[in-house]
Amino acid sequence: MIVDRTIDPSAPFLHEFTYQAMMNDLLPMDQNGTRYTYTFTQADGTSAEKEVVIEEADSIYASIRHLHIAECSDRLISQFNEFVKENKAAQARYV
């Protein structure tokens, strides 16, 4: 059923707190919502830009995009810790 928002006055005050919704609200995404570019400072002090492509083929993005942001954060931390535990190169850097 499709209903005009004027029938439900609380609708404009509700917001989804999923990873995908927060990403689209807080990051400077392109019009398609598939890319964003950010500037960062490199180790030598110079600035550089990086473009990030968001796509369905990214298994991590696909698994978290509809999760509440708090659950998403917990899951990513858990997955990162599991990765460090199983990866020798990561262990040398983060343990």
PDB file of N, CA and C in Angstrom:
ATOM      1  N   MET A   1       0.844  -1.161   0.000  1.00  0.00           N
ATOM      2  CA  MET A   1       0.000   0.000   0.000  1.00  0.00           C
ATOM      3  C   MET A   1       0.901   1.239   0.000  1.00  0.00           C
ATOM      4  N   ILE A   2       0.583   2.187  -0.834  1.00  0.00           N
ATOM      5  CA  ILE A   2       1.320   3.446  -0.896  1.00  0.00           C
ATOM      6  C   ILE A   2       0.420   4.530  -0.319  1.00  0.00           C
ATOM      7  N   VAL A   3       0.970   5.276   0.639  1.00  0.00           N
ATOM      8  CA  VAL A   3       0.196   6.308   1.318  1.00  0.00           C
ATOM      9  C   VAL A   3       0.971   7.615   1.259  1.00  0.00           C
ATOM     10  N   ASP A   4       0.265   8.693   1.050  1.00  0.00           N
ATOM     11  CA  ASP A   4       0.872  10.018   1.038  1.00  0.00           C
ATOM     12  C   ASP A   4       1.414  10.335   2.432  1.00  0.00           C
ATOM     13  N   ARG A   5       2.566  10.985   2.503  1.00  0.00           N
ATOM     14  CA  ARG A   5       3.178  11.302   3.805  1.00  0.00           C
ATOM     15  C   ARG A   5       2.338  12.254   4.646  1.00  0.00           C
ATOM     16  N   THR A   6       1.448  12.988   4.013  1.00  0.00           N
ATOM     17  CA  THR A   6       0.611  13.907   4.792  1.00  0.00           C
ATOM     18  C   THR A   6      -0.362  13.159   5.695  1.00  0.00           C
ATOM     19  N   ILE A   7      -0.612  11.883   5.388  1.00  0.00           N
ATOM     20  CA  ILE A   7      -1.503  11.074   6.225  1.00  0.00           C
ATOM     21  C   ILE A   7      -0.793  10.641   7.512  1.00  0.00           C
ATOM     22  N   ASP A   8       0.517  10.467   7.446  1.00  0.00           N
ATOM     23  CA  ASP A   8       1.308  10.055   8.612  1.00  0.00           C
ATOM     24  C   ASP A   8       2.291  11.171   8.953  1.00  0.00           C
ATOM     25  N   PRO A   9       1.932  12.067   9.851  1.00  0.00           N
ATOM     26  CA  PRO A   9       2.795  13.219  10.137  1.00  0.00           C
ATOM     27  C   PRO A   9       4.122  12.863  10.811  1.00  0.00           C
ATOM     28  N   SER A  10       4.261  11.662  11.360  1.00  0.00           N
ATOM     29  CA  SER A  10       5.527  11.303  12.004  1.00  0.00           C
ATOM     30  C   SER A  10       6.561  10.786  11.006  1.00  0.00           C
ATOM     31  N   ALA A  11       6.147  10.410   9.810  1.00  0.00           N
ATOM     32  CA  ALA A  11       7.064   9.819   8.823  1.00  0.00           C
ATOM     33  C   ALA A  11       8.301  10.675   8.540  1.00  0.00           C
ATOM     34  N   PRO A  12       8.176  11.983   8.380  1.00  0.00           N
ATOM     35  CA  PRO A  12       9.388  12.772   8.106  1.00  0.00           C
ATOM     36  C   PRO A  12      10.403  12.784   9.250  1.00  0.00           C
ATOM     37  N   PHE A  13       9.968  12.431  10.453  1.00  0.00           N
ATOM     38  CA  PHE A  13      10.873  12.444  11.600  1.00  0.00           C
ATOM     39  C   PHE A  13      11.543  11.096  11.847  1.00  0.00           C
ATOM     40  N   LEU A  14      11.132  10.082  11.126  1.00  0.00           N
ATOM     41  CA  LEU A  14      11.728   8.755  11.254  1.00  0.00           C
ATOM     42  C   LEU A  14      12.904   8.639  10.299  1.00  0.00           C
ATOM     43  N   HIS A  15      13.873   7.894  10.692  1.00  0.00           N
ATOM     44  CA  HIS A  15      15.048   7.717   9.840  1.00  0.00           C
ATOM     45  C   HIS A  15      15.587   6.316  10.035  1.00  0.00           C
ATOM     46  N   GLU A  16      16.034   5.735   8.944  1.00  0.00           N
ATOM     47  CA  GLU A  16      16.656   4.421   9.043  1.00  0.00           C
ATOM     48  C   GLU A  16      18.069   4.578   9.579  1.00  0.00           C
ATOM     49  N   PHE A  17      18.462   3.699  10.450  1.00  0.00           N
ATOM     50  CA  PHE A  17      19.815   3.718  10.989  1.00  0.00           C
ATOM     51  C   PHE A  17      20.607   2.524  10.473  1.00  0.00           C
ATOM     52  N   THR A  18      20.375   2.166   9.213  1.00  0.00           N
ATOM     53  CA  THR A  18      21.149   1.088   8.608  1.00  0.00           C
ATOM     54  C   THR A  18      22.455   1.654   8.079  1.00  0.00           C
ATOM     55  N   TYR A  19      23.411   0.775   7.852  1.00  0.00           N
ATOM     56  CA  TYR A  19      24.705   1.184   7.315  1.00  0.00           C
ATOM     57  C   TYR A  19      24.523   1.923   5.993  1.00  0.00           C
ATOM     58  N   GLN A  20      23.706   1.388   5.103  1.00  0.00           N
ATOM     59  CA  GLN A  20      23.520   1.994   3.792  1.00  0.00           C
ATOM     60  C   GLN A  20      22.888   3.384   3.907  1.00  0.00           C
ATOM     61  N   ALA A  21      21.879   3.537   4.746  1.00  0.00           N
ATOM     62  CA  ALA A  21      21.233   4.837   4.921  1.00  0.00           C
ATOM     63  C   ALA A  21      22.202   5.854   5.508  1.00  0.00           C
ATOM     64  N   MET A  22      22.963   5.447   6.506  1.00  0.00           N
ATOM     65  CA  MET A  22      23.925   6.357   7.126  1.00  0.00           C
ATOM     66  C   MET A  22      25.019   6.745   6.136  1.00  0.00           C
ATOM     67  N   MET A  23      25.477   5.784   5.345  1.00  0.00           N
ATOM     68  CA  MET A  23      26.503   6.050   4.350  1.00  0.00           C
ATOM     69  C   MET A  23      26.002   7.096   3.348  1.00  0.00           C
ATOM     70  N   ASN A  24      24.773   6.929   2.873  1.00  0.00           N
ATOM     71  CA  ASN A  24      24.225   7.876   1.905  1.00  0.00           C
ATOM     72  C   ASN A  24      23.983   9.250   2.513  1.00  0.00           C
ATOM     73  N   ASP A  25      23.669   9.311   3.798  1.00  0.00           N
ATOM     74  CA  ASP A  25      23.438  10.594   4.461  1.00  0.00           C
ATOM     75  C   ASP A  25      24.726  11.326   4.810  1.00  0.00           C
ATOM     76  N   LEU A  26      25.758  10.587   5.206  1.00  0.00           N
ATOM     77  CA  LEU A  26      26.939  11.217   5.784  1.00  0.00           C
ATOM     78  C   LEU A  26      28.146  11.332   4.860  1.00  0.00           C
ATOM     79  N   LEU A  27      28.199  10.532   3.809  1.00  0.00           N
ATOM     80  CA  LEU A  27      29.338  10.573   2.893  1.00  0.00           C
ATOM     81  C   LEU A  27      28.961  11.317   1.618  1.00  0.00           C
ATOM     82  N   PRO A  28      29.921  12.002   1.019  1.00  0.00           N
ATOM     83  CA  PRO A  28      29.633  12.727  -0.232  1.00  0.00           C
ATOM     84  C   PRO A  28      29.547  11.760  -1.417  1.00  0.00           C
ATOM     85  N   MET A  29      28.460  11.016  -1.487  1.00  0.00           N
ATOM     86  CA  MET A  29      28.262  10.017  -2.537  1.00  0.00           C
ATOM     87  C   MET A  29      27.897  10.697  -3.855  1.00  0.00           C
ATOM     88  N   ASP A  30      28.198  10.026  -4.983  1.00  0.00           N
ATOM     89  CA  ASP A  30      27.765  10.544  -6.276  1.00  0.00           C
ATOM     90  C   ASP A  30      26.251  10.365  -6.407  1.00  0.00           C
ATOM     91  N   GLN A  31      25.688  10.844  -7.497  1.00  0.00           N
ATOM     92  CA  GLN A  31      24.233  10.795  -7.664  1.00  0.00           C
ATOM     93  C   GLN A  31      23.682   9.378  -7.679  1.00  0.00           C
ATOM     94  N   ASN A  32      24.474   8.425  -8.132  1.00  0.00           N
ATOM     95  CA  ASN A  32      24.016   7.037  -8.176  1.00  0.00           C
ATOM     96  C   ASN A  32      24.189   6.324  -6.842  1.00  0.00           C
ATOM     97  N   GLY A  33      24.902   6.938  -5.901  1.00  0.00           N
ATOM     98  CA  GLY A  33      25.145   6.305  -4.607  1.00  0.00           C
ATOM     99  C   GLY A  33      26.109   5.145  -4.676  1.00  0.00           C
ATOM    100  N   THR A  34      26.998   5.158  -5.683  1.00  0.00           N
ATOM    101  CA  THR A  34      27.921   4.037  -5.855  1.00  0.00           C
ATOM    102  C   THR A  34      29.380   4.416  -5.673  1.00  0.00           C
ATOM    103  N   ARG A  35      29.686   5.695  -5.569  1.00  0.00           N
ATOM    104  CA  ARG A  35      31.085   6.135  -5.440  1.00  0.00           C
ATOM    105  C   ARG A  35      31.173   7.358  -4.528  1.00  0.00           C
ATOM    106  N   TYR A  36      32.284   7.449  -3.834  1.00  0.00           N
ATOM    107  CA  TYR A  36      32.605   8.700  -3.164  1.00  0.00           C
ATOM    108  C   TYR A  36      34.111   8.879  -3.183  1.00  0.00           C
ATOM    109  N   THR A  37      34.525  10.131  -3.099  1.00  0.00           N
ATOM    110  CA  THR A  37      35.936  10.476  -3.145  1.00  0.00           C
ATOM    111  C   THR A  37      36.282  11.220  -1.866  1.00  0.00           C
ATOM    112  N   TYR A  38      37.443  10.890  -1.299  1.00  0.00           N
ATOM    113  CA  TYR A  38      37.876  11.596  -0.102  1.00  0.00           C
ATOM    114  C   TYR A  38      39.349  11.955  -0.225  1.00  0.00           C
ATOM    115  N   THR A  39      39.755  12.963   0.518  1.00  0.00           N
ATOM    116  CA  THR A  39      41.139  13.424   0.537  1.00  0.00           C
ATOM    117  C   THR A  39      41.756  13.008   1.860  1.00  0.00           C
ATOM    118  N   PHE A  40      43.016  12.561   1.809  1.00  0.00           N
ATOM    119  CA  PHE A  40      43.705  12.150   3.025  1.00  0.00           C
ATOM    120  C   PHE A  40      45.156  12.598   2.962  1.00  0.00           C
ATOM    121  N   THR A  41      45.824  12.610   4.109  1.00  0.00           N
ATOM    122  CA  THR A  41      47.233  12.977   4.190  1.00  0.00           C
ATOM    123  C   THR A  41      48.071  11.711   4.205  1.00  0.00           C
ATOM    124  N   GLN A  42      49.026  11.655   3.296  1.00  0.00           N
ATOM    125  CA  GLN A  42      49.909  10.494   3.186  1.00  0.00           C
ATOM    126  C   GLN A  42      51.033  10.584   4.219  1.00  0.00           C
ATOM    127  N   ALA A  43      51.802   9.519   4.357  1.00  0.00           N
ATOM    128  CA  ALA A  43      52.886   9.461   5.338  1.00  0.00           C
ATOM    129  C   ALA A  43      53.911  10.568   5.126  1.00  0.00           C
ATOM    130  N   ASP A  44      54.114  10.989   3.874  1.00  0.00           N
ATOM    131  CA  ASP A  44      55.095  12.043   3.595  1.00  0.00           C
ATOM    132  C   ASP A  44      54.532  13.449   3.772  1.00  0.00           C
ATOM    133  N   GLY A  45      53.268  13.554   4.211  1.00  0.00           N
ATOM    134  CA  GLY A  45      52.663  14.850   4.479  1.00  0.00           C
ATOM    135  C   GLY A  45      51.893  15.443   3.310  1.00  0.00           C
ATOM    136  N   THR A  46      51.971  14.849   2.140  1.00  0.00           N
ATOM    137  CA  THR A  46      51.232  15.359   0.989  1.00  0.00           C
ATOM    138  C   THR A  46      49.795  14.842   1.011  1.00  0.00           C
ATOM    139  N   SER A  47      48.932  15.565   0.330  1.00  0.00           N
ATOM    140  CA  SER A  47      47.531  15.161   0.234  1.00  0.00           C
ATOM    141  C   SER A  47      47.312  14.308  -1.004  1.00  0.00           C
ATOM    142  N   ALA A  48      46.379  13.400  -0.901  1.00  0.00           N
ATOM    143  CA  ALA A  48      46.014  12.556  -2.039  1.00  0.00           C
ATOM    144  C   ALA A  48      44.515  12.296  -1.980  1.00  0.00           C
ATOM    145  N   GLU A  49      43.950  11.946  -3.120  1.00  0.00           N
ATOM    146  CA  GLU A  49      42.535  11.611  -3.197  1.00  0.00           C
ATOM    147  C   GLU A  49      42.372  10.136  -3.505  1.00  0.00           C
ATOM    148  N   LYS A  50      41.316   9.568  -2.979  1.00  0.00           N
ATOM    149  CA  LYS A  50      41.007   8.168  -3.258  1.00  0.00           C
ATOM    150  C   LYS A  50      39.521   8.076  -3.564  1.00  0.00           C
ATOM    151  N   GLU A  51      39.199   7.305  -4.588  1.00  0.00           N
ATOM    152  CA  GLU A  51      37.801   7.062  -4.925  1.00  0.00           C
ATOM    153  C   GLU A  51      37.420   5.665  -4.450  1.00  0.00           C
ATOM    154  N   VAL A  52      36.297   5.570  -3.774  1.00  0.00           N
ATOM    155  CA  VAL A  52      35.799   4.294  -3.278  1.00  0.00           C
ATOM    156  C   VAL A  52      34.564   3.933  -4.094  1.00  0.00           C
ATOM    157  N   VAL A  53      34.541   2.711  -4.607  1.00  0.00           N
ATOM    158  CA  VAL A  53      33.400   2.228  -5.382  1.00  0.00           C
ATOM    159  C   VAL A  53      32.609   1.259  -4.509  1.00  0.00           C
ATOM    160  N   ILE A  54      31.330   1.541  -4.348  1.00  0.00           N
ATOM    161  CA  ILE A  54      30.441   0.697  -3.558  1.00  0.00           C
ATOM    162  C   ILE A  54      29.654  -0.164  -4.544  1.00  0.00           C
ATOM    163  N   GLU A  55      29.792  -1.486  -4.416  1.00  0.00           N
ATOM    164  CA  GLU A  55      29.092  -2.351  -5.362  1.00  0.00           C
ATOM    165  C   GLU A  55      28.592  -3.624  -4.694  1.00  0.00           C
ATOM    166  N   GLU A  56      27.589  -4.203  -5.307  1.00  0.00           N
ATOM    167  CA  GLU A  56      26.967  -5.421  -4.784  1.00  0.00           C
ATOM    168  C   GLU A  56      27.937  -6.589  -4.717  1.00  0.00           C
ATOM    169  N   ALA A  57      28.950  -6.600  -5.580  1.00  0.00           N
ATOM    170  CA  ALA A  57      29.914  -7.705  -5.607  1.00  0.00           C
ATOM    171  C   ALA A  57      30.810  -7.714  -4.366  1.00  0.00           C
ATOM    172  N   ASP A  58      30.844  -6.612  -3.621  1.00  0.00           N
ATOM    173  CA  ASP A  58      31.632  -6.532  -2.390  1.00  0.00           C
ATOM    174  C   ASP A  58      30.884  -7.316  -1.310  1.00  0.00           C
ATOM    175  N   SER A  59      31.413  -8.465  -0.947  1.00  0.00           N
ATOM    176  CA  SER A  59      30.701  -9.349  -0.014  1.00  0.00           C
ATOM    177  C   SER A  59      30.521  -8.727   1.374  1.00  0.00           C
ATOM    178  N   ILE A  60      31.476  -7.930   1.819  1.00  0.00           N
ATOM    179  CA  ILE A  60      31.337  -7.296   3.138  1.00  0.00           C
ATOM    180  C   ILE A  60      30.212  -6.267   3.105  1.00  0.00           C
ATOM    181  N   TYR A  61      30.225  -5.405   2.096  1.00  0.00           N
ATOM    182  CA  TYR A  61      29.163  -4.401   1.963  1.00  0.00           C
ATOM    183  C   TYR A  61      27.796  -5.071   1.844  1.00  0.00           C
ATOM    184  N   ALA A  62      27.704  -6.093   1.012  1.00  0.00           N
ATOM    185  CA  ALA A  62      26.425  -6.787   0.810  1.00  0.00           C
ATOM    186  C   ALA A  62      25.909  -7.404   2.111  1.00  0.00           C
ATOM    187  N   SER A  63      26.813  -7.852   2.978  1.00  0.00           N
ATOM    188  CA  SER A  63      26.384  -8.508   4.220  1.00  0.00           C
ATOM    189  C   SER A  63      26.000  -7.529   5.331  1.00  0.00           C
ATOM    190  N   ILE A  64      26.432  -6.269   5.242  1.00  0.00           N
ATOM    191  CA  ILE A  64      26.160  -5.321   6.332  1.00  0.00           C
ATOM    192  C   ILE A  64      25.259  -4.158   5.952  1.00  0.00           C
ATOM    193  N   ARG A  65      24.983  -3.946   4.692  1.00  0.00           N
ATOM    194  CA  ARG A  65      24.301  -2.721   4.275  1.00  0.00           C
ATOM    195  C   ARG A  65      22.929  -2.522   4.900  1.00  0.00           C
ATOM    196  N   HIS A  66      22.208  -3.589   5.229  1.00  0.00           N
ATOM    197  CA  HIS A  66      20.871  -3.450   5.808  1.00  0.00           C
ATOM    198  C   HIS A  66      20.857  -3.632   7.326  1.00  0.00           C
ATOM    199  N   LEU A  67      22.029  -3.751   7.941  1.00  0.00           N
ATOM    200  CA  LEU A  67      22.103  -3.898   9.395  1.00  0.00           C
ATOM    201  C   LEU A  67      22.026  -2.535  10.075  1.00  0.00           C
ATOM    202  N   HIS A  68      21.496  -2.521  11.304  1.00  0.00           N
ATOM    203  CA  HIS A  68      21.539  -1.310  12.125  1.00  0.00           C
ATOM    204  C   HIS A  68      23.003  -0.947  12.321  1.00  0.00           C
ATOM    205  N   ILE A  69      23.315   0.321  12.367  1.00  0.00           N
ATOM    206  CA  ILE A  69      24.706   0.775  12.419  1.00  0.00           C
ATOM    207  C   ILE A  69      25.451   0.199  13.631  1.00  0.00           C
ATOM    208  N   ALA A  70      24.789   0.018  14.765  1.00  0.00           N
ATOM    209  CA  ALA A  70      25.452  -0.560  15.945  1.00  0.00           C
ATOM    210  C   ALA A  70      25.807  -2.026  15.707  1.00  0.00           C
ATOM    211  N   GLU A  71      24.888  -2.782  15.115  1.00  0.00           N
ATOM    212  CA  GLU A  71      25.152  -4.185  14.810  1.00  0.00           C
ATOM    213  C   GLU A  71      26.243  -4.299  13.749  1.00  0.00           C
ATOM    214  N   CYS A  72      26.212  -3.391  12.801  1.00  0.00           N
ATOM    215  CA  CYS A  72      27.227  -3.364  11.748  1.00  0.00           C
ATOM    216  C   CYS A  72      28.613  -3.157  12.350  1.00  0.00           C
ATOM    217  N   SER A  73      28.731  -2.218  13.253  1.00  0.00           N
ATOM    218  CA  SER A  73      30.009  -1.933  13.904  1.00  0.00           C
ATOM    219  C   SER A  73      30.521  -3.153  14.662  1.00  0.00           C
ATOM    220  N   ASP A  74      29.647  -3.783  15.433  1.00  0.00           N
ATOM    221  CA  ASP A  74      30.042  -4.987  16.178  1.00  0.00           C
ATOM    222  C   ASP A  74      30.512  -6.093  15.245  1.00  0.00           C
ATOM    223  N   ARG A  75      29.783  -6.298  14.150  1.00  0.00           N
ATOM    224  CA  ARG A  75      30.133  -7.366  13.212  1.00  0.00           C
ATOM    225  C   ARG A  75      31.476  -7.089  12.534  1.00  0.00           C
ATOM    226  N   LEU A  76      31.713  -5.839  12.123  1.00  0.00           N
ATOM    227  CA  LEU A  76      32.980  -5.514  11.463  1.00  0.00           C
ATOM    228  C   LEU A  76      34.168  -5.673  12.404  1.00  0.00           C
ATOM    229  N   ILE A  77      34.008  -5.267  13.654  1.00  0.00           N
ATOM    230  CA  ILE A  77      35.087  -5.434  14.633  1.00  0.00           C
ATOM    231  C   ILE A  77      35.372  -6.914  14.844  1.00  0.00           C
ATOM    232  N   SER A  78      34.328  -7.709  14.968  1.00  0.00           N
ATOM    233  CA  SER A  78      34.491  -9.152  15.147  1.00  0.00           C
ATOM    234  C   SER A  78      35.177  -9.785  13.938  1.00  0.00           C
ATOM    235  N   GLN A  79      34.757  -9.416  12.740  1.00  0.00           N
ATOM    236  CA  GLN A  79      35.367  -9.964  11.525  1.00  0.00           C
ATOM    237  C   GLN A  79      36.824  -9.530  11.391  1.00  0.00           C
ATOM    238  N   PHE A  80      37.127  -8.287  11.766  1.00  0.00           N
ATOM    239  CA  PHE A  80      38.507  -7.812  11.701  1.00  0.00           C
ATOM    240  C   PHE A  80      39.382  -8.590  12.683  1.00  0.00           C
ATOM    241  N   ASN A  81      38.898  -8.783  13.901  1.00  0.00           N
ATOM    242  CA  ASN A  81      39.666  -9.542  14.894  1.00  0.00           C
ATOM    243  C   ASN A  81      39.901 -10.976  14.437  1.00  0.00           C
ATOM    244  N   GLU A  82      38.903 -11.581  13.801  1.00  0.00           N
ATOM    245  CA  GLU A  82      39.043 -12.934  13.258  1.00  0.00           C
ATOM    246  C   GLU A  82      40.093 -12.949  12.143  1.00  0.00           C
ATOM    247  N   PHE A  83      40.079 -11.934  11.299  1.00  0.00           N
ATOM    248  CA  PHE A  83      41.062 -11.824  10.215  1.00  0.00           C
ATOM    249  C   PHE A  83      42.476 -11.730  10.781  1.00  0.00           C
ATOM    250  N   VAL A  84      42.661 -10.891  11.789  1.00  0.00           N
ATOM    251  CA  VAL A  84      43.987 -10.736  12.399  1.00  0.00           C
ATOM    252  C   VAL A  84      44.443 -12.056  13.010  1.00  0.00           C
ATOM    253  N   LYS A  85      43.535 -12.768  13.656  1.00  0.00           N
ATOM    254  CA  LYS A  85      43.885 -14.039  14.288  1.00  0.00           C
ATOM    255  C   LYS A  85      44.346 -15.075  13.256  1.00  0.00           C
ATOM    256  N   GLU A  86      43.763 -15.047  12.058  1.00  0.00           N
ATOM    257  CA  GLU A  86      44.058 -16.053  11.037  1.00  0.00           C
ATOM    258  C   GLU A  86      45.142 -15.641  10.044  1.00  0.00           C
ATOM    259  N   ASN A  87      45.574 -14.389  10.058  1.00  0.00           N
ATOM    260  CA  ASN A  87      46.489 -13.887   9.044  1.00  0.00           C
ATOM    261  C   ASN A  87      47.827 -13.513   9.673  1.00  0.00           C
ATOM    262  N   LYS A  88      48.893 -14.200   9.287  1.00  0.00           N
ATOM    263  CA  LYS A  88      50.220 -13.980   9.885  1.00  0.00           C
ATOM    264  C   LYS A  88      50.719 -12.550   9.677  1.00  0.00           C
ATOM    265  N   ALA A  89      50.538 -12.003   8.475  1.00  0.00           N
ATOM    266  CA  ALA A  89      51.002 -10.640   8.204  1.00  0.00           C
ATOM    267  C   ALA A  89      50.258  -9.633   9.076  1.00  0.00           C
ATOM    268  N   ALA A  90      48.966  -9.827   9.256  1.00  0.00           N
ATOM    269  CA  ALA A  90      48.183  -8.936  10.103  1.00  0.00           C
ATOM    270  C   ALA A  90      48.590  -9.082  11.561  1.00  0.00           C
ATOM    271  N   GLN A  91      48.936 -10.294  11.984  1.00  0.00           N
ATOM    272  CA  GLN A  91      49.370 -10.515  13.363  1.00  0.00           C
ATOM    273  C   GLN A  91      50.633  -9.727  13.655  1.00  0.00           C
ATOM    274  N   ALA A  92      51.558  -9.693  12.715  1.00  0.00           N
ATOM    275  CA  ALA A  92      52.814  -8.974  12.912  1.00  0.00           C
ATOM    276  C   ALA A  92      52.570  -7.481  13.088  1.00  0.00           C
ATOM    277  N   ARG A  93      51.530  -6.971  12.472  1.00  0.00           N
ATOM    278  CA  ARG A  93      51.268  -5.539  12.532  1.00  0.00           C
ATOM    279  C   ARG A  93      50.353  -5.136  13.685  1.00  0.00           C
ATOM    280  N   TYR A  94      49.344  -5.948  14.012  1.00  0.00           N
ATOM    281  CA  TYR A  94      48.314  -5.540  14.970  1.00  0.00           C
ATOM    282  C   TYR A  94      48.355  -6.254  16.312  1.00  0.00           C
ATOM    283  N   VAL A  95      49.203  -7.232  16.481  1.00  0.00           N
ATOM    284  CA  VAL A  95      49.225  -7.955  17.757  1.00  0.00           C
ATOM    285  C   VAL A  95      50.417  -7.541  18.575  1.00  0.00           C
TER     286      VAL A  95
END
